[in-house]
C-alpha atoms as a PDB file:
ATOM      1  CA  MET A   1     -85.084 -12.430  77.567  1.00  0.00           C
ATOM      2  CA  LYS A   2     -86.754 -13.475  80.833  1.00  0.00           C
ATOM      3  CA  ASN A   3     -87.757 -16.780  79.222  1.00  0.00           C
ATOM      4  CA  TYR A   4     -84.105 -17.409  78.298  1.00  0.00           C
ATOM      5  CA  LEU A   5     -82.963 -16.775  81.866  1.00  0.00           C
ATOM      6  CA  THR A   6     -85.601 -19.092  83.324  1.00  0.00           C
ATOM      7  CA  LYS A   7     -84.537 -21.927  81.030  1.00  0.00           C
ATOM      8  CA  LEU A   8     -80.830 -21.254  81.592  1.00  0.00           C
ATOM      9  CA  LYS A   9     -81.277 -21.384  85.358  1.00  0.00           C
ATOM     10  CA  LYS A  10     -82.899 -24.803  85.001  1.00  0.00           C
ATOM     11  CA  ALA A  11     -80.148 -26.066  82.696  1.00  0.00           C
ATOM     12  CA  TYR A  12     -77.513 -24.707  85.104  1.00  0.00           C
ATOM     13  CA  LYS A  13     -79.136 -26.408  88.095  1.00  0.00           C
ATOM     14  CA  PHE A  14     -79.437 -29.697  86.202  1.00  0.00           C
ATOM     15  CA  ALA A  15     -75.800 -29.622  85.064  1.00  0.00           C
ATOM     16  CA  GLU A  16     -74.582 -28.766  88.553  1.00  0.00           C
ATOM     17  CA  GLU A  17     -76.549 -31.541  90.238  1.00  0.00           C
ATOM     18  CA  PHE A  18     -75.884 -34.135  87.529  1.00  0.00           C
ATOM     19  CA  MET A  19     -72.149 -33.535  87.522  1.00  0.00           C
ATOM     20  CA  GLN A  20     -71.919 -33.535  91.309  1.00  0.00           C
ATOM     21  CA  ASP A  21     -73.889 -36.788  91.508  1.00  0.00           C
ATOM     22  CA  HIS A  22     -72.400 -38.646  88.528  1.00  0.00           C
ATOM     23  CA  THR A  23     -68.835 -37.499  88.183  1.00  0.00           C
ATOM     24  CA  ASN A  24     -65.674 -37.488  90.179  1.00  0.00           C
ATOM     25  CA  ARG A  25     -63.418 -35.895  87.631  1.00  0.00           C
ATOM     26  CA  ASP A  26     -60.437 -33.672  88.264  1.00  0.00           C
ATOM     27  CA  TYR A  27     -60.965 -31.464  85.200  1.00  0.00           C
ATOM     28  CA  HIS A  28     -64.194 -32.234  83.328  1.00  0.00           C
ATOM     29  CA  ASN A  29     -66.473 -31.218  86.166  1.00  0.00           C
ATOM     30  CA  PHE A  30     -69.020 -28.481  86.845  1.00  0.00           C
ATOM     31  CA  ARG A  31     -66.277 -25.890  87.399  1.00  0.00           C
ATOM     32  CA  HIS A  32     -65.135 -26.568  83.829  1.00  0.00           C
ATOM     33  CA  ALA A  33     -68.726 -26.332  82.528  1.00  0.00           C
ATOM     34  CA  LYS A  34     -69.162 -22.937  84.220  1.00  0.00           C
ATOM     35  CA  ASP A  35     -65.767 -21.829  82.926  1.00  0.00           C
ATOM     36  CA  VAL A  36     -66.712 -22.732  79.351  1.00  0.00           C
ATOM     37  CA  ALA A  37     -70.063 -20.934  79.745  1.00  0.00           C
ATOM     38  CA  HIS A  38     -68.302 -17.758  80.952  1.00  0.00           C
ATOM     39  CA  SER A  39     -65.788 -17.979  78.117  1.00  0.00           C
ATOM     40  CA  ALA A  40     -68.572 -18.522  75.570  1.00  0.00           C
ATOM     41  CA  LEU A  41     -70.365 -15.446  76.874  1.00  0.00           C
ATOM     42  CA  ARG A  42     -67.202 -13.316  76.685  1.00  0.00           C
ATOM     43  CA  LEU A  43     -66.402 -14.563  73.179  1.00  0.00           C
ATOM     44  CA  SER A  44     -69.986 -14.039  71.997  1.00  0.00           C
ATOM     45  CA  ASP A  45     -69.711 -10.415  73.169  1.00  0.00           C
ATOM     46  CA  GLY A  46     -66.562  -9.956  71.093  1.00  0.00           C
ATOM     47  CA  GLU A  47     -68.057 -11.715  68.079  1.00  0.00           C
ATOM     48  CA  ASN A  48     -71.350  -9.724  68.198  1.00  0.00           C
ATOM     49  CA  VAL A  49     -73.647 -12.685  68.771  1.00  0.00           C
ATOM     50  CA  GLY A  50     -77.344 -12.048  69.430  1.00  0.00           C
ATOM     51  CA  TYR A  51     -79.332 -13.153  72.466  1.00  0.00           C
ATOM     52  CA  GLN A  52     -80.794 -16.334  70.956  1.00  0.00           C
ATOM     53  CA  LYS A  53     -77.413 -17.729  69.916  1.00  0.00           C
ATOM     54  CA  ARG A  54     -75.821 -16.663  73.222  1.00  0.00           C
ATOM     55  CA  PHE A  55     -78.553 -18.516  75.071  1.00  0.00           C
ATOM     56  CA  GLU A  56     -77.898 -21.652  73.008  1.00  0.00           C
ATOM     57  CA  LEU A  57     -74.109 -21.311  73.448  1.00  0.00           C
ATOM     58  CA  ILE A  58     -74.317 -21.013  77.219  1.00  0.00           C
ATOM     59  CA  THR A  59     -76.714 -23.945  77.433  1.00  0.00           C
ATOM     60  CA  ALA A  60     -74.397 -26.099  75.313  1.00  0.00           C
ATOM     61  CA  ALA A  61     -71.396 -25.046  77.389  1.00  0.00           C
ATOM     62  CA  LEU A  62     -73.124 -26.124  80.586  1.00  0.00           C
ATOM     63  CA  LEU A  63     -74.111 -29.513  79.149  1.00  0.00           C
ATOM     64  CA  HIS A  64     -71.250 -30.353  76.768  1.00  0.00           C
ATOM     65  CA  ASP A  65     -69.315 -32.557  79.208  1.00  0.00           C
ATOM     66  CA  LEU A  66     -72.064 -34.252  81.177  1.00  0.00           C
ATOM     67  CA  ILE A  67     -70.492 -37.542  80.165  1.00  0.00           C
ATOM     68  CA  VAL A  68     -66.716 -37.766  79.996  1.00  0.00           C
ATOM     69  CA  GLU A  69     -65.074 -41.127  80.304  1.00  0.00           C
ATOM     70  CA  PRO A  70     -61.383 -40.826  79.465  1.00  0.00           C
ATOM     71  CA  TYR A  71     -60.450 -42.322  76.105  1.00  0.00           C
ATOM     72  CA  ASN A  72     -64.123 -42.991  75.249  1.00  0.00           C
ATOM     73  CA  LYS A  73     -65.005 -41.786  71.752  1.00  0.00           C
ATOM     74  CA  ASP A  74     -68.748 -41.170  72.263  1.00  0.00           C
ATOM     75  CA  ASN A  75     -68.786 -38.773  75.224  1.00  0.00           C
ATOM     76  CA  GLU A  76     -70.333 -35.905  73.263  1.00  0.00           C
ATOM     77  CA  GLU A  77     -72.994 -38.154  71.757  1.00  0.00           C
ATOM     78  CA  ARG A  78     -73.920 -39.438  75.214  1.00  0.00           C
ATOM     79  CA  SER A  79     -74.094 -35.884  76.557  1.00  0.00           C
ATOM     80  CA  VAL A  80     -76.369 -35.022  73.608  1.00  0.00           C
ATOM     81  CA  GLU A  81     -78.696 -37.908  74.525  1.00  0.00           C
ATOM     82  CA  ILE A  82     -79.122 -36.445  77.994  1.00  0.00           C
ATOM     83  CA  ALA A  83     -79.626 -32.934  76.595  1.00  0.00           C
ATOM     84  CA  ARG A  84     -82.266 -34.171  74.133  1.00  0.00           C
ATOM     85  CA  GLU A  85     -84.202 -35.691  77.011  1.00  0.00           C
ATOM     86  CA  LEU A  86     -83.759 -32.801  79.450  1.00  0.00           C
ATOM     87  CA  LEU A  87     -84.181 -29.657  77.384  1.00  0.00           C
ATOM     88  CA  PRO A  88     -87.780 -30.146  76.187  1.00  0.00           C
ATOM     89  CA  GLN A  89     -88.771 -30.872  79.802  1.00  0.00           C
ATOM     90  CA  ILE A  90     -87.508 -27.457  80.893  1.00  0.00           C
ATOM     91  CA  GLY A  91     -89.093 -25.482  78.068  1.00  0.00           C
ATOM     92  CA  TYR A  92     -86.604 -25.547  75.193  1.00  0.00           C
ATOM     93  CA  SER A  93     -88.174 -25.565  71.743  1.00  0.00           C
ATOM     94  CA  PRO A  94     -87.309 -28.305  69.225  1.00  0.00           C
ATOM     95  CA  LYS A  95     -85.185 -25.792  67.283  1.00  0.00           C
ATOM     96  CA  GLU A  96     -83.303 -24.761  70.429  1.00  0.00           C
ATOM     97  CA  VAL A  97     -82.675 -28.420  71.312  1.00  0.00           C
ATOM     98  CA  LYS A  98     -81.345 -29.060  67.808  1.00  0.00           C
ATOM     99  CA  ASN A  99     -79.039 -26.026  67.933  1.00  0.00           C
ATOM    100  CA  VAL A 100     -77.739 -26.812  71.429  1.00  0.00           C
ATOM    101  CA  THR A 101     -77.003 -30.438  70.576  1.00  0.00           C
ATOM    102  CA  LYS A 102     -75.154 -29.407  67.398  1.00  0.00           C
ATOM    103  CA  LEU A 103     -72.994 -27.137  69.535  1.00  0.00           C
ATOM    104  CA  ILE A 104     -72.243 -29.930  71.998  1.00  0.00           C
ATOM    105  CA  LEU A 105     -71.182 -32.169  69.104  1.00  0.00           C
ATOM    106  CA  ALA A 106     -68.963 -29.366  67.752  1.00  0.00           C
ATOM    107  CA  THR A 107     -66.737 -29.776  70.833  1.00  0.00           C
ATOM    108  CA  LYS A 108     -65.752 -33.306  69.805  1.00  0.00           C
ATOM    109  CA  VAL A 109     -61.996 -33.567  69.274  1.00  0.00           C
ATOM    110  CA  PRO A 110     -60.638 -33.065  66.708  1.00  0.00           C
ATOM    111  CA  THR A 111     -62.900 -30.041  66.377  1.00  0.00           C
ATOM    112  CA  LYS A 112     -64.240 -29.072  62.964  1.00  0.00           C
ATOM    113  CA  PRO A 113     -66.535 -26.091  63.529  1.00  0.00           C
ATOM    114  CA  SER A 114     -68.663 -25.159  60.524  1.00  0.00           C
ATOM    115  CA  ASN A 115     -69.914 -21.709  61.579  1.00  0.00           C
ATOM    116  CA  LYS A 116     -69.181 -18.794  63.895  1.00  0.00           C
ATOM    117  CA  ILE A 117     -71.226 -20.148  66.807  1.00  0.00           C
ATOM    118  CA  GLU A 118     -69.467 -23.520  66.651  1.00  0.00           C
ATOM    119  CA  ARG A 119     -66.096 -21.738  66.473  1.00  0.00           C
ATOM    120  CA  ILE A 120     -67.010 -19.829  69.632  1.00  0.00           C
ATOM    121  CA  ILE A 121     -67.853 -22.931  71.672  1.00  0.00           C
ATOM    122  CA  CYS A 122     -64.733 -24.702  70.453  1.00  0.00           C
ATOM    123  CA  ASP A 123     -62.599 -21.734  71.530  1.00  0.00           C
ATOM    124  CA  ALA A 124     -64.455 -21.436  74.833  1.00  0.00           C
ATOM    125  CA  ASP A 125     -63.832 -25.121  75.599  1.00  0.00           C
ATOM    126  CA  VAL A 126     -60.061 -24.600  75.450  1.00  0.00           C
ATOM    127  CA  ASP A 127     -59.908 -20.988  76.626  1.00  0.00           C
ATOM    128  CA  ASN A 128     -57.601 -22.052  79.457  1.00  0.00           C
ATOM    129  CA  LEU A 129     -54.787 -22.897  77.025  1.00  0.00           C
ATOM    130  CA  GLY A 130     -53.959 -19.206  76.830  1.00  0.00           C
ATOM    131  CA  ARG A 131     -54.618 -18.291  80.442  1.00  0.00           C
ATOM    132  CA  GLU A 132     -52.460 -17.967  83.546  1.00  0.00           C
ATOM    133  CA  ASP A 133     -54.191 -20.974  85.146  1.00  0.00           C
ATOM    134  CA  PHE A 134     -53.168 -23.266  82.277  1.00  0.00           C
ATOM    135  CA  LEU A 135     -50.609 -25.267  84.270  1.00  0.00           C
ATOM    136  CA  GLU A 136     -53.060 -25.869  87.103  1.00  0.00           C
ATOM    137  CA  ARG A 137     -55.820 -26.953  84.700  1.00  0.00           C
ATOM    138  CA  GLY A 138     -53.338 -29.084  82.766  1.00  0.00           C
ATOM    139  CA  GLU A 139     -52.369 -30.929  85.919  1.00  0.00           C
ATOM    140  CA  GLU A 140     -56.049 -31.691  86.497  1.00  0.00           C
ATOM    141  CA  VAL A 141     -56.289 -33.116  82.962  1.00  0.00           C
ATOM    142  CA  ARG A 142     -53.158 -35.222  83.538  1.00  0.00           C
ATOM    143  CA  LYS A 143     -54.604 -36.684  86.737  1.00  0.00           C
ATOM    144  CA  GLU A 144     -57.992 -37.299  85.150  1.00  0.00           C
ATOM    145  CA  LEU A 145     -56.401 -39.162  82.251  1.00  0.00           C
ATOM    146  CA  ASN A 146     -54.059 -41.006  84.615  1.00  0.00           C
ATOM    147  CA  ILE A 147     -50.991 -39.989  82.631  1.00  0.00           C
ATOM    148  CA  PRO A 148     -47.583 -40.205  84.316  1.00  0.00           C
ATOM    149  CA  GLN A 149     -45.760 -36.926  84.966  1.00  0.00           C
ATOM    150  CA  GLU A 150     -42.814 -38.090  82.865  1.00  0.00           C
ATOM    151  CA  GLY A 151     -43.261 -36.755  79.347  1.00  0.00           C
ATOM    152  CA  TRP A 152     -46.350 -34.702  80.253  1.00  0.00           C
ATOM    153  CA  TYR A 153     -44.760 -31.301  79.598  1.00  0.00           C
ATOM    154  CA  GLN A 154     -43.568 -32.372  76.159  1.00  0.00           C
ATOM    155  CA  THR A 155     -47.046 -33.698  75.357  1.00  0.00           C
ATOM    156  CA  GLN A 156     -48.505 -30.351  76.429  1.00  0.00           C
ATOM    157  CA  ILE A 157     -45.949 -28.389  74.370  1.00  0.00           C
ATOM    158  CA  ASN A 158     -46.801 -30.403  71.275  1.00  0.00           C
ATOM    159  CA  PHE A 159     -50.524 -29.863  71.876  1.00  0.00           C
ATOM    160  CA  LEU A 160     -50.178 -26.108  72.412  1.00  0.00           C
ATOM    161  CA  LYS A 161     -47.888 -25.628  69.404  1.00  0.00           C
ATOM    162  CA  ASN A 162     -50.500 -27.277  67.192  1.00  0.00           C
ATOM    163  CA  HIS A 163     -53.437 -25.371  68.678  1.00  0.00           C
ATOM    164  CA  LYS A 164     -55.089 -22.512  66.801  1.00  0.00           C
ATOM    165  CA  TYR A 165     -58.005 -20.494  68.111  1.00  0.00           C
ATOM    166  CA  TYR A 166     -60.786 -20.007  65.576  1.00  0.00           C
ATOM    167  CA  THR A 167     -62.330 -16.629  66.473  1.00  0.00           C
ATOM    168  CA  LYS A 168     -60.708 -13.204  66.230  1.00  0.00           C
ATOM    169  CA  THR A 169     -61.721 -12.513  69.813  1.00  0.00           C
ATOM    170  CA  ALA A 170     -60.083 -15.666  71.212  1.00  0.00           C
ATOM    171  CA  LYS A 171     -56.941 -14.986  69.194  1.00  0.00           C
ATOM    172  CA  LYS A 172     -56.790 -11.454  70.571  1.00  0.00           C
ATOM    173  CA  LEU A 173     -57.466 -12.558  74.154  1.00  0.00           C
ATOM    174  CA  ARG A 174     -55.434 -15.791  74.310  1.00  0.00           C
ATOM    175  CA  ASN A 175     -52.688 -16.096  71.665  1.00  0.00           C
ATOM    176  CA  GLU A 176     -50.141 -14.176  73.737  1.00  0.00           C
ATOM    177  CA  GLY A 177     -50.916 -16.312  76.790  1.00  0.00           C
ATOM    178  CA  LEU A 178     -50.694 -19.453  74.677  1.00  0.00           C
ATOM    179  CA  GLN A 179     -47.147 -18.502  73.660  1.00  0.00           C
ATOM    180  CA  LYS A 180     -46.230 -17.702  77.288  1.00  0.00           C
ATOM    181  CA  ASN A 181     -47.533 -21.117  78.371  1.00  0.00           C
ATOM    182  CA  ILE A 182     -45.440 -22.845  75.698  1.00  0.00           C
ATOM    183  CA  ALA A 183     -42.366 -20.939  76.903  1.00  0.00           C
ATOM    184  CA  GLU A 184     -43.085 -21.866  80.541  1.00  0.00           C
ATOM    185  CA  LEU A 185     -43.470 -25.546  79.672  1.00  0.00           C
ATOM    186  CA  GLU A 186     -40.224 -25.479  77.673  1.00  0.00           C
ATOM    187  CA  ARG A 187     -38.481 -23.828  80.628  1.00  0.00           C
ATOM    188  CA  ARG A 188     -39.662 -26.665  82.893  1.00  0.00           C
ATOM    189  CA  LEU A 189     -38.368 -29.436  80.625  1.00  0.00           C
END
């Protein structure tokens, strides 16, 4: 367990410094990375995930959006390249590197998770869709993507209506909030 924490602290510090130095994004920034890590931890508790997989999930959450260039289709692959270089340097085993990079790739939209751990990170990445801070986070996404306000709420409604959480825990925690956010967006139209 101590070994996991030592490596996680290094991954956390790297992600924080890298994102502060290389990004100026409204949404896909270190706050988002931390948010996804916290959500992954909460979901892994609910889904009875062991320490090793939790460790890999949190690492992937911290590193999954190192590279985000709006409308670019290889952001996850570029983040994986950085992770593959970094992780062995801070003590991650080849198997851990492989598992973490698979989790990063699982966040690529449209998501197609193939196992429980991938379903958790996919749900963690969009946890905010069912939260009270959804509108605030959505505005950050809109600004980051440079999308005009006109039509934004309808775009968000369509996205939320088509969204389905994968894990039982995320469904339990966020489906009600998801429906409330749809209703709020419809009210604002």
